[in-house]
Each structure stands twice: as structure tokens, then as C-alpha cells.
Protein backbone atom coordinates (compact mmCIF):
# COMPACT_ATOMS: atom_id res chain seq x y z
CA MET A 1 67.70 2.27 -0.10
CA LYS A 2 67.50 4.92 -2.80
CA LYS A 3 68.23 2.25 -5.42
CA VAL A 4 65.42 0.03 -4.13
CA LEU A 5 63.03 2.99 -4.09
CA PHE A 6 64.03 3.92 -7.66
CA ILE A 7 63.42 0.35 -8.88
CA LEU A 8 60.06 0.26 -7.08
CA LEU A 9 58.97 3.56 -8.62
CA SER A 10 60.10 2.34 -12.06
CA VAL A 11 58.00 -0.83 -11.71
CA ILE A 12 54.97 1.20 -10.62
CA SER A 13 55.46 3.64 -13.52
CA THR A 14 55.82 0.79 -16.04
CA ALA A 15 52.69 -0.90 -14.68
CA THR A 16 50.77 2.37 -14.94
CA ILE A 17 51.82 2.80 -18.57
CA ALA A 18 50.90 -0.82 -19.34
CA GLN A 19 47.52 -0.43 -17.72
CA GLY A 20 46.87 2.64 -19.87
CA ILE A 21 47.42 0.79 -23.16
CA LYS A 22 44.18 -0.10 -24.95
CA MET A 23 44.41 -3.23 -27.10
CA PRO A 24 41.84 -4.56 -29.59
CA ALA A 25 39.84 -7.51 -28.26
CA PRO A 26 40.69 -10.82 -29.96
CA SER A 27 36.98 -11.67 -29.93
CA PRO A 28 35.23 -8.28 -30.16
CA ALA A 29 31.76 -7.87 -28.66
CA GLN A 30 28.75 -7.07 -30.81
CA SER A 31 25.11 -6.23 -30.15
CA ILE A 32 22.47 -6.56 -32.84
CA LYS A 33 18.86 -5.50 -32.52
CA GLN A 34 16.14 -6.43 -34.99
CA ASP A 35 12.70 -4.82 -35.01
CA PHE A 36 10.31 -7.76 -35.24
CA SER A 37 6.55 -8.13 -35.01
CA LEU A 38 5.37 -5.49 -32.50
CA SER A 39 8.67 -5.23 -30.60
CA SER A 40 12.27 -6.40 -31.16
CA VAL A 41 14.85 -9.15 -30.62
CA GLU A 42 18.37 -8.32 -29.40
CA VAL A 43 21.51 -10.48 -29.35
CA LYS A 44 24.71 -9.73 -27.44
CA TYR A 45 27.72 -11.89 -28.23
CA SER A 46 31.46 -12.00 -28.92
CA ARG A 47 33.02 -12.83 -32.29
CA PRO A 48 36.02 -15.17 -32.27
CA VAL A 49 38.05 -15.48 -35.49
CA ILE A 50 39.25 -18.66 -37.26
CA LYS A 51 42.89 -17.56 -37.70
CA GLY A 52 43.78 -20.67 -39.70
CA ARG A 53 42.41 -23.10 -37.12
CA LYS A 54 40.04 -26.05 -37.50
CA ILE A 55 36.89 -24.99 -35.63
CA PHE A 56 34.02 -27.47 -35.49
CA GLY A 57 35.06 -30.89 -34.31
CA ASP A 58 38.30 -29.43 -32.89
CA ILE A 59 38.37 -25.97 -31.23
CA VAL A 60 34.61 -26.39 -30.76
CA PRO A 61 34.20 -30.11 -30.03
CA PHE A 62 31.19 -32.03 -31.28
CA GLY A 63 28.73 -33.21 -28.66
CA LYS A 64 29.76 -30.75 -25.94
CA LEU A 65 28.26 -27.56 -24.53
CA TRP A 66 29.45 -24.40 -26.27
CA ARG A 67 28.84 -20.80 -25.22
CA THR A 68 27.99 -20.01 -28.88
CA GLY A 69 30.63 -17.34 -29.17
CA ALA A 70 33.44 -16.29 -26.84
CA ASN A 71 34.08 -14.44 -23.58
CA SER A 72 30.82 -13.60 -21.77
CA PRO A 73 27.70 -15.73 -22.33
CA THR A 74 25.81 -15.01 -25.53
CA THR A 75 22.35 -13.66 -24.68
CA VAL A 76 19.14 -13.25 -26.65
CA THR A 77 16.34 -10.93 -25.51
CA PHE A 78 12.83 -11.44 -26.85
CA ASN A 79 10.51 -8.55 -26.05
CA GLU A 80 7.38 -10.56 -26.68
CA ASP A 81 6.39 -14.23 -26.63
CA VAL A 82 7.69 -16.20 -29.63
CA LYS A 83 7.90 -19.70 -31.03
CA ILE A 84 11.33 -21.19 -31.73
CA ALA A 85 11.13 -23.97 -34.34
CA GLY A 86 7.44 -24.28 -33.43
CA GLN A 87 7.95 -24.40 -29.65
CA ALA A 88 6.70 -21.64 -27.34
CA LEU A 89 9.17 -19.36 -25.55
CA LYS A 90 8.11 -16.57 -23.22
CA ALA A 91 9.45 -13.02 -23.53
CA GLY A 92 12.68 -12.53 -21.62
CA THR A 93 16.48 -12.68 -21.76
CA TYR A 94 18.17 -16.06 -22.18
CA GLN A 95 21.67 -17.50 -22.48
CA LEU A 96 22.12 -19.01 -25.92
CA ILE A 97 23.97 -22.29 -25.44
CA SER A 98 24.53 -24.90 -28.13
CA ILE A 99 25.76 -28.45 -28.59
CA PRO A 100 27.12 -28.65 -32.15
CA SER A 101 27.41 -31.91 -34.05
CA GLN A 102 28.33 -32.61 -37.65
CA PHE A 103 24.78 -32.66 -39.03
CA SER A 104 22.68 -30.80 -36.44
CA TRP A 105 22.94 -28.54 -33.40
CA GLU A 106 21.01 -28.62 -30.17
CA ILE A 107 20.07 -25.03 -29.36
CA ILE A 108 19.40 -24.28 -25.70
CA PHE A 109 17.70 -21.20 -24.25
CA ASN A 110 18.73 -21.10 -20.60
CA LYS A 111 17.60 -18.64 -17.92
CA GLY A 112 20.93 -18.73 -16.06
CA THR A 113 23.56 -16.02 -16.30
CA ASN A 114 26.86 -17.76 -15.56
CA GLY A 115 27.69 -19.39 -18.89
CA VAL A 116 28.58 -22.98 -19.79
CA PHE A 117 31.16 -23.35 -17.00
CA ASN A 118 28.39 -23.05 -14.41
CA TYR A 119 25.68 -24.58 -16.58
CA LYS A 120 22.63 -25.90 -14.76
CA PRO A 121 20.32 -28.14 -16.84
CA GLU A 122 17.41 -27.29 -14.54
CA GLU A 123 17.63 -23.70 -15.81
CA ASP A 124 16.96 -24.76 -19.40
CA VAL A 125 13.74 -23.22 -20.70
CA LEU A 126 13.75 -24.58 -24.24
CA LYS A 127 15.78 -27.04 -26.34
CA VAL A 128 15.42 -27.46 -30.09
CA LYS A 129 17.41 -29.43 -32.65
CA ILE A 130 18.31 -27.55 -35.83
CA ALA A 131 19.91 -28.99 -38.96
CA ALA A 132 23.37 -27.67 -39.84
CA SER A 133 24.11 -26.67 -43.42
CA VAL A 134 27.42 -26.49 -45.27
CA LEU A 135 28.44 -23.12 -46.72
CA SER A 136 30.28 -22.73 -50.01
CA GLN A 137 32.58 -20.09 -48.53
CA SER A 138 34.18 -19.90 -45.12
CA VAL A 139 33.02 -17.28 -42.58
CA GLU A 140 36.15 -15.97 -40.81
CA SER A 141 34.48 -14.19 -37.87
CA PHE A 142 31.79 -15.96 -35.87
CA THR A 143 28.52 -14.28 -36.86
CA ILE A 144 24.92 -14.13 -35.68
CA HIS A 145 22.44 -12.24 -37.87
CA PHE A 146 18.74 -12.12 -38.73
CA ALA A 147 17.44 -13.14 -42.16
CA ASN A 148 14.16 -13.40 -44.09
CA VAL A 149 12.47 -10.92 -41.74
CA ILE A 150 8.74 -10.43 -42.32
CA SER A 151 6.01 -9.22 -39.99
CA ASN A 152 5.65 -12.42 -37.94
CA LYS A 153 8.54 -14.69 -39.01
CA MET A 154 12.31 -14.54 -39.34
CA GLU A 155 15.44 -16.62 -38.87
CA MET A 156 18.35 -16.14 -36.50
CA VAL A 157 21.37 -17.44 -38.41
CA ILE A 158 24.56 -18.64 -36.71
CA SER A 159 27.52 -19.03 -39.07
CA TRP A 160 31.23 -19.73 -38.71
CA GLU A 161 33.81 -21.58 -40.72
CA LYS A 162 31.72 -23.40 -43.37
CA VAL A 163 28.76 -24.15 -41.09
CA ALA A 164 25.43 -22.33 -40.75
CA VAL A 165 22.44 -22.97 -38.51
CA SER A 166 19.16 -21.11 -39.14
CA ILE A 167 16.82 -20.94 -36.16
CA PRO A 168 13.20 -20.16 -37.15
CA ILE A 169 11.42 -17.56 -34.98
CA GLU A 170 7.71 -16.87 -35.21
CA THR A 171 5.18 -14.83 -33.26
CA GLU A 172 1.42 -14.38 -33.22
CA ILE A 173 0.42 -10.84 -34.12
CA ASP A 174 -2.85 -11.14 -36.02
CA ALA A 175 -5.07 -11.37 -32.95
CA LYS A 176 -3.24 -8.43 -31.32
CA ILE A 177 -3.50 -6.20 -34.39
CA THR A 178 -7.12 -7.13 -35.09
CA ALA A 179 -8.02 -6.31 -31.49
CA SER A 180 -6.20 -2.96 -31.69
CA ILE A 181 -8.02 -2.13 -34.96
CA ASP A 182 -11.39 -2.94 -33.37
CA LYS A 183 -10.53 -0.71 -30.42
CA ALA A 184 -9.30 2.13 -32.65
CA MET A 185 -12.42 2.00 -34.81
CA ALA A 186 -14.51 2.73 -31.73
CA ALA A 187 -12.61 5.98 -31.12
CA ASP A 188 -13.23 9.40 -32.66
CA THR A 189 -10.07 9.37 -34.83
CA ARG A 190 -10.12 6.17 -36.85
CA PRO A 191 -7.07 4.75 -38.66
CA TYR A 192 -8.92 3.85 -41.87
CA PHE A 193 -5.86 3.71 -44.14
CA GLU A 194 -3.71 1.61 -41.77
CA SER A 195 -6.60 -0.77 -41.05
CA ALA A 196 -7.47 -1.15 -44.73
CA SER A 197 -3.79 -1.82 -45.53
CA TYR A 198 -3.54 -4.53 -42.88
CA TYR A 199 -6.75 -6.24 -43.99
CA PHE A 200 -5.57 -6.14 -47.62
CA GLU A 201 -2.05 -7.43 -46.91
CA THR A 202 -3.27 -10.28 -44.72
CA GLY A 203 -6.21 -11.29 -46.95
CA LYS A 204 -8.88 -10.56 -44.38
CA ASP A 205 -12.35 -9.14 -45.15
CA LEU A 206 -11.67 -7.28 -48.42
CA LYS A 207 -15.10 -5.65 -48.49
CA LYS A 208 -14.40 -4.15 -45.09
CA ALA A 209 -10.93 -3.14 -46.30
CA LEU A 210 -12.50 -1.35 -49.31
CA GLU A 211 -15.01 0.40 -47.05
CA TRP A 212 -12.16 1.72 -44.90
CA ALA A 213 -10.06 2.70 -47.92
CA MET A 214 -12.96 4.73 -49.34
CA LYS A 215 -13.41 6.47 -45.99
CA ALA A 216 -9.69 7.23 -45.96
CA VAL A 217 -10.01 8.75 -49.46
CA GLU A 218 -12.92 10.89 -48.27
CA ALA A 219 -10.75 12.21 -45.43
CA ASN A 220 -7.73 12.92 -47.69
CA ALA A 221 -8.77 13.01 -51.35
CA SER A 222 -5.35 14.18 -52.59
CA ALA A 223 -3.44 11.23 -51.08
CA TYR A 224 -2.34 9.22 -54.12
CA TRP A 225 -1.10 6.36 -51.92
CA ILE A 226 -4.62 5.87 -50.54
CA TRP A 227 -6.11 5.85 -54.04
CA HIS A 228 -3.52 3.24 -54.98
CA LEU A 229 -4.51 1.06 -52.03
CA GLN A 230 -8.17 1.43 -53.01
CA ALA A 231 -7.28 0.35 -56.57
CA LYS A 232 -5.43 -2.74 -55.31
CA ILE A 233 -8.37 -3.79 -53.13
CA GLN A 234 -10.85 -3.28 -55.97
CA ALA A 235 -8.62 -5.32 -58.28
CA LYS A 236 -8.46 -8.16 -55.77
CA LEU A 237 -12.24 -8.07 -55.44
CA GLY A 238 -12.51 -8.44 -59.23
CA ASP A 239 -13.89 -4.95 -59.91
CA LYS A 240 -11.47 -4.10 -62.74
CA ALA A 241 -13.29 -0.98 -63.96
CA SER A 242 -13.25 0.65 -60.52
CA ALA A 243 -9.65 -0.45 -59.94
CA LYS A 244 -8.57 1.19 -63.20
CA ALA A 245 -10.42 4.42 -62.35
CA SER A 246 -8.83 4.55 -58.87
CA ALA A 247 -5.37 3.83 -60.30
CA GLU A 248 -5.75 6.59 -62.92
CA LYS A 249 -6.77 9.01 -60.17
CA SER A 250 -3.71 7.95 -58.17
CA ILE A 251 -1.47 8.52 -61.22
CA ALA A 252 -2.78 12.05 -61.72
CA LEU A 253 -2.26 12.92 -58.04
CA ALA A 254 1.18 11.25 -57.95
CA LYS A 255 2.29 13.35 -60.92
CA GLU A 256 1.17 16.48 -59.10
CA GLY A 257 3.14 15.32 -56.09
CA LYS A 258 6.16 14.48 -58.27
CA ASN A 259 6.22 10.86 -57.09
CA GLU A 260 7.18 8.72 -60.08
CA ASP A 261 7.29 5.57 -57.97
CA TYR A 262 3.53 5.63 -57.50
CA VAL A 263 3.01 6.46 -61.17
CA THR A 264 4.91 3.28 -62.02
CA LEU A 265 3.08 1.20 -59.42
CA ASN A 266 -0.30 2.28 -60.77
CA LEU A 267 0.69 1.67 -64.40
CA LYS A 268 1.76 -1.86 -63.49
CA LEU A 269 -1.52 -2.39 -61.67
CA ILE A 270 -3.51 -1.25 -64.70
CA GLN A 271 -1.48 -3.54 -66.95
CA SER A 272 -2.26 -6.49 -64.69
CA LEU A 273 -6.04 -5.99 -64.83
């Protein structure tokens, strides 16, 4: 009886020790979050490794549903409405499921939560076909990242082995920002510099942008960055003399503020006139 009890306690002790051992995950989880437009996009996925295997067309068969990663379903959260390869997708969290083939992938955004093993086609929200490209170097760990990020466009890139798929993402922000500028301009504290910057960068009404830039200068005459913006707007309007004068003022103020970057920017602007 004592011997049986000893063996039982030994087994329990061994199990307890085993349970306490922390091992590295073979396909470690990763979360990436990209600020985009007026909000953000977040991806949660696991990263399997090649380990000398043939991946696409073998471990990941062509023409079949794939969880686009490993372990738990890969999810993508869009915090505002977007367009995926030109097709509308509402804000929300989706499973990212794919059907790889040799030359293109079908990318599926699905509102379910149970992965490919309990996949329900009726829960698909959007399907797009994206061309697959061949990489010059192999990617050992399955990777999802964001590339070519600008204010309203970017790409979500899936890469593994020597294959990459770039999914274009776009959102409409101009109407939202223009409406917020109109609302802000009706208030007591008006964002003249920010509004002038946006109008200049997006090629909107440059005369209005110049009017706001000049008001911003009036409110903060020592701000060399505002003088530089005013110079850029004047240059784009074709008023070279005024642009040069504003740039020279910006240079003088930037030197006082010990900001050589703005000195250089203004010198380049003057040279381009």
C-alpha cells in the first residue's frame, strides 16, 4: 500500500513539474497595429516556420481553405469602413481566410470566429482575388505586415517561403476631414495651420489655404514652420517673390530656433523658384 501511494505521489509530483515548464511556441503569436487614416488596423496571427519543408502546394495545399497562419484563426480589425481591392468592407473584426493557388490567392473576410475547421460560407463578408508574386529570397517565418502606408491607402502584405500577396486597403477621409475643418472654422479657436496644411497637401483651394496660413502667421509670427508653409503655398500659386520673402523669414526664425532642418528646407524651396 505504501509502495502504491509512493508511486502515485511520484506521478503527481512529476506531472506538476511538467506542467510548470514553459516551452516556446512552435508558431508564436503576434499582434500588429497600424495607425491608418483616422483610426487603425490591427492583425492578430500566429507565425509558423518553414523548417526545411515545402510550403505552398504541399504543407499548404493549393485550392483549399487555409487559416492564413497557424493555431487560432487569424483576425483583422478595421476601426473604420475601408475598401479592399476596391470593394467596400464595413468596420469590424473578421477572420482572414485564404485559398492559395500558384498564381493568385482568394482572400476571404469572414465574420465567424471558429476558423477553417468550422467554416461557414454564409458568414463570408467579402472575397477578393489577389495576384501572388515570387520573392527573390525565402521568408522563413510566416509574416503579415503593412507597407506603403499613406493617409488613405496602404497594403497588407502576406509573405512566406518565396511567395508574397499584397492586399490593397483604401479609405475615404477627405469628406470627413473637410467637414471637420468647416466645423472647426466656425468655432472660436480655429486650426488655421492644420487646415492650411491639409488644403495644401491635398491640392484643394490654395487661395483659401494661403488665407489660413497668413492668419496662422498673424497668431504666431515666430513660428518658422508656419512661414515655411506659407512660402510653399505662395510658390505653388506662382507668386515667387512672396514665396522667397516668406522662406527667408522662415530661415531667419529657424536659425534663432536652432533648427537646421527648416533652414535646409527653405533654401531648397528658394532654389526651386
